[in-house]
Structure formats: structure tokens, C-alpha cells
C-alpha atoms as a PDB file:
ATOM      1  CA  UNK A   1       5.036   7.467  -8.816  1.00  0.00           C
ATOM      2  CA  UNK A   2       5.217   8.710  -5.036  1.00  0.00           C
ATOM      3  CA  UNK A   3       8.794   6.921  -4.139  1.00  0.00           C
ATOM      4  CA  UNK A   4      10.378   8.861  -6.960  1.00  0.00           C
ATOM      5  CA  UNK A   5       8.921  12.391  -5.610  1.00  0.00           C
ATOM      6  CA  UNK A   6      11.469  14.667  -3.157  1.00  0.00           C
ATOM      7  CA  UNK A   7       9.223  15.993  -1.086  1.00  0.00           C
ATOM      8  CA  UNK A   8       7.945  12.131  -0.374  1.00  0.00           C
ATOM      9  CA  UNK A   9      11.721  11.027   0.685  1.00  0.00           C
ATOM     10  CA  UNK A  10      12.920  14.149   2.463  1.00  0.00           C
ATOM     11  CA  UNK A  11      10.266  13.317   4.718  1.00  0.00           C
ATOM     12  CA  UNK A  12      10.447   9.299   4.806  1.00  0.00           C
ATOM     13  CA  UNK A  13      13.858   8.368   3.051  1.00  0.00           C
ATOM     14  CA  UNK A  14      16.059  10.925   3.483  1.00  0.00           C
ATOM     15  CA  UNK A  15      19.270   7.487   3.386  1.00  0.00           C
ATOM     16  CA  UNK A  16      17.778   7.583  -0.456  1.00  0.00           C
ATOM     17  CA  UNK A  17      18.172  11.299  -1.481  1.00  0.00           C
ATOM     18  CA  UNK A  18      21.762  11.337   0.227  1.00  0.00           C
ATOM     19  CA  UNK A  19      22.063   8.085  -1.653  1.00  0.00           C
ATOM     20  CA  UNK A  20      21.102   9.307  -5.651  1.00  0.00           C
ATOM     21  CA  UNK A  21      23.043  12.729  -4.237  1.00  0.00           C
ATOM     22  CA  UNK A  22      26.248  10.631  -4.921  1.00  0.00           C
ATOM     23  CA  UNK A  23      25.707   8.212  -6.878  1.00  0.00           C
ATOM     24  CA  UNK A  24      27.982   9.152 -10.307  1.00  0.00           C
ATOM     25  CA  UNK A  25      26.082   7.005 -13.146  1.00  0.00           C
ATOM     26  CA  UNK A  26      23.421   5.184 -12.141  1.00  0.00           C
ATOM     27  CA  UNK A  27      20.488   6.543  -9.684  1.00  0.00           C
ATOM     28  CA  UNK A  28      19.258   2.793 -10.175  1.00  0.00           C
ATOM     29  CA  UNK A  29      20.261   1.261  -6.940  1.00  0.00           C
ATOM     30  CA  UNK A  30      20.329   4.076  -4.604  1.00  0.00           C
ATOM     31  CA  UNK A  31      16.622   2.628  -4.307  1.00  0.00           C
ATOM     32  CA  UNK A  32      18.131  -0.164  -2.681  1.00  0.00           C
ATOM     33  CA  UNK A  33      16.398  -0.311   0.930  1.00  0.00           C
ATOM     34  CA  UNK A  34      14.103  -3.371   2.628  1.00  0.00           C
ATOM     35  CA  UNK A  35      11.967  -0.719   4.045  1.00  0.00           C
ATOM     36  CA  UNK A  36      11.032   1.060   0.630  1.00  0.00           C
ATOM     37  CA  UNK A  37      10.216  -2.677  -0.323  1.00  0.00           C
ATOM     38  CA  UNK A  38       8.400  -3.400   1.652  1.00  0.00           C
ATOM     39  CA  UNK A  39       6.888   0.101   1.697  1.00  0.00           C
ATOM     40  CA  UNK A  40       5.514  -0.918  -2.342  1.00  0.00           C
ATOM     41  CA  UNK A  41       4.889  -4.652  -1.666  1.00  0.00           C
ATOM     42  CA  UNK A  42       2.915  -3.859   1.329  1.00  0.00           C
ATOM     43  CA  UNK A  43       0.159  -3.291  -0.937  1.00  0.00           C
ATOM     44  CA  UNK A  44       0.301  -6.365  -3.173  1.00  0.00           C
ATOM     45  CA  UNK A  45       0.352  -8.365  -0.479  1.00  0.00           C
ATOM     46  CA  UNK A  46      -2.826  -8.023   1.818  1.00  0.00           C
ATOM     47  CA  UNK A  47      -4.534  -7.571  -1.850  1.00  0.00           C
ATOM     48  CA  UNK A  48      -3.389 -11.125  -2.848  1.00  0.00           C
ATOM     49  CA  UNK A  49      -3.868 -12.879   0.932  1.00  0.00           C
ATOM     50  CA  UNK A  50      -7.278 -10.634   1.759  1.00  0.00           C
ATOM     51  CA  UNK A  51      -8.212 -12.009  -1.876  1.00  0.00           C
ATOM     52  CA  UNK A  52      -7.838 -15.299  -1.176  1.00  0.00           C
ATOM     53  CA  UNK A  53     -10.251 -14.751   2.193  1.00  0.00           C
ATOM     54  CA  UNK A  54     -12.335 -12.354   0.530  1.00  0.00           C
ATOM     55  CA  UNK A  55     -15.434 -15.385  -0.620  1.00  0.00           C
ATOM     56  CA  UNK A  56     -16.285 -16.150   2.254  1.00  0.00           C
ATOM     57  CA  UNK A  57     -16.460 -13.328   3.299  1.00  0.00           C
ATOM     58  CA  UNK A  58     -18.578 -12.179   0.911  1.00  0.00           C
ATOM     59  CA  UNK A  59     -20.576 -15.225   0.896  1.00  0.00           C
ATOM     60  CA  UNK A  60     -21.268 -15.384   4.653  1.00  0.00           C
ATOM     61  CA  UNK A  61     -21.921 -10.710   4.327  1.00  0.00           C
ATOM     62  CA  UNK A  62     -23.255 -11.048   0.535  1.00  0.00           C
ATOM     63  CA  UNK A  63     -21.771  -8.789  -2.600  1.00  0.00           C
ATOM     64  CA  UNK A  64     -22.953  -5.165  -1.339  1.00  0.00           C
ATOM     65  CA  UNK A  65     -22.298  -5.415   2.740  1.00  0.00           C
ATOM     66  CA  UNK A  66     -18.158  -6.933   1.403  1.00  0.00           C
ATOM     67  CA  UNK A  67     -17.753  -3.664  -1.645  1.00  0.00           C
ATOM     68  CA  UNK A  68     -18.954  -1.599   1.377  1.00  0.00           C
ATOM     69  CA  UNK A  69     -16.049  -3.490   3.876  1.00  0.00           C
ATOM     70  CA  UNK A  70     -13.785  -2.816   1.382  1.00  0.00           C
ATOM     71  CA  UNK A  71     -14.362   0.452   0.244  1.00  0.00           C
ATOM     72  CA  UNK A  72     -14.820   1.485   4.225  1.00  0.00           C
ATOM     73  CA  UNK A  73     -11.200  -0.262   4.547  1.00  0.00           C
ATOM     74  CA  UNK A  74      -9.449   1.628   1.676  1.00  0.00           C
ATOM     75  CA  UNK A  75     -10.858   4.916   2.808  1.00  0.00           C
ATOM     76  CA  UNK A  76      -9.279   4.527   6.174  1.00  0.00           C
ATOM     77  CA  UNK A  77      -6.199   2.982   4.444  1.00  0.00           C
ATOM     78  CA  UNK A  78      -6.086   6.415   2.796  1.00  0.00           C
ATOM     79  CA  UNK A  79      -6.490   8.392   5.875  1.00  0.00           C
ATOM     80  CA  UNK A  80      -3.911   6.842   8.006  1.00  0.00           C
ATOM     81  CA  UNK A  81      -1.519   7.714   4.310  1.00  0.00           C
ATOM     82  CA  UNK A  82      -2.660  10.731   4.163  1.00  0.00           C
ATOM     83  CA  UNK A  83      -2.239  11.873   7.850  1.00  0.00           C
ATOM     84  CA  UNK A  84       1.498   9.760   8.262  1.00  0.00           C
ATOM     85  CA  UNK A  85       4.090  11.396   9.889  1.00  0.00           C
ATOM     86  CA  UNK A  86       6.661   8.050  10.050  1.00  0.00           C
ATOM     87  CA  UNK A  87       7.398   4.594   7.902  1.00  0.00           C
ATOM     88  CA  UNK A  88       5.316   2.412  10.178  1.00  0.00           C
ATOM     89  CA  UNK A  89       1.851   4.358   9.588  1.00  0.00           C
ATOM     90  CA  UNK A  90       2.636   4.457   5.964  1.00  0.00           C
ATOM     91  CA  UNK A  91       2.660   1.128   5.491  1.00  0.00           C
ATOM     92  CA  UNK A  92      -0.494   0.088   7.570  1.00  0.00           C
ATOM     93  CA  UNK A  93      -1.865   2.648   5.554  1.00  0.00           C
ATOM     94  CA  UNK A  94      -1.049   0.595   2.775  1.00  0.00           C
ATOM     95  CA  UNK A  95      -1.507  -2.657   4.221  1.00  0.00           C
ATOM     96  CA  UNK A  96      -5.567  -1.352   4.289  1.00  0.00           C
ATOM     97  CA  UNK A  97      -5.629   0.176   0.981  1.00  0.00           C
ATOM     98  CA  UNK A  98      -4.346  -3.693   0.348  1.00  0.00           C
ATOM     99  CA  UNK A  99      -7.055  -4.951   2.067  1.00  0.00           C
ATOM    100  CA  UNK A 100      -9.664  -2.972   0.177  1.00  0.00           C
ATOM    101  CA  UNK A 101      -8.475  -3.539  -3.163  1.00  0.00           C
ATOM    102  CA  UNK A 102      -8.126  -7.022  -2.350  1.00  0.00           C
ATOM    103  CA  UNK A 103     -12.197  -7.461  -0.287  1.00  0.00           C
ATOM    104  CA  UNK A 104     -13.636  -4.957  -3.753  1.00  0.00           C
ATOM    105  CA  UNK A 105     -11.356  -7.151  -6.795  1.00  0.00           C
ATOM    106  CA  UNK A 106     -12.723 -10.518  -5.443  1.00  0.00           C
ATOM    107  CA  UNK A 107     -16.383  -9.493  -5.025  1.00  0.00           C
ATOM    108  CA  UNK A 108     -16.926  -7.356  -8.374  1.00  0.00           C
ATOM    109  CA  UNK A 109     -14.846  -9.336 -10.597  1.00  0.00           C
ATOM    110  CA  UNK A 110     -17.096 -12.718  -9.407  1.00  0.00           C
ATOM    111  CA  UNK A 111     -21.172 -12.866 -10.527  1.00  0.00           C
END
């Protein structure tokens, strides 16, 4: 979604827009950017890693506190992404979003 929005690409990935402008037929290959891939996959990787350790955190903190922890981490990640000025802030925010998702997904799924 956001990776195809022009204002987002203009601010954080201007090289992709340059490739898209010079593409003759298929614009699919212009999205061949390791930074864009890192931005996209960082949330999923952080969520996966966190969900593996979330059960131990839930055992020590309890379900309610773990859900609150996940929510606070998710809120912090959203705030960082909302105020991002560079790609590093975007990736850090996405990692925190992934941590929040990993905690809350694991703890709310199992009873």
C-alpha cells in the first residue's frame, strides 16, 4: 500500500520514482530496492521473532501486562513512523510495530 504512494516514494525512495519514470513497459522491476525490501519485511521478521519469545514473557508478566506491553510498543512504533524523517526511523518504527504485533498476537491467540 504505502510503498506505491507517490508522496511516500518522493520523500523516502526517490530512486524508485526515477526508475519508474524511465520504465518503458513493466514497472514491476523498478521496485527492486534492498532498502524498500528491508522496510517491508522488517515488520514481519520482528513479529516472528517476538512471537517466539512472547510465551516466556507472558509466563512471567501475565496476559494482561503482556498485551499492555505489546500495545505500548506498537504505539511507540506508530509514533516513530508517523514522525519519520529518514529511512532508518521508518525501519526502527516498523520493527517496533512488529514487536507489538508479535506480543499481542501470541498472547491473545492462546488461552
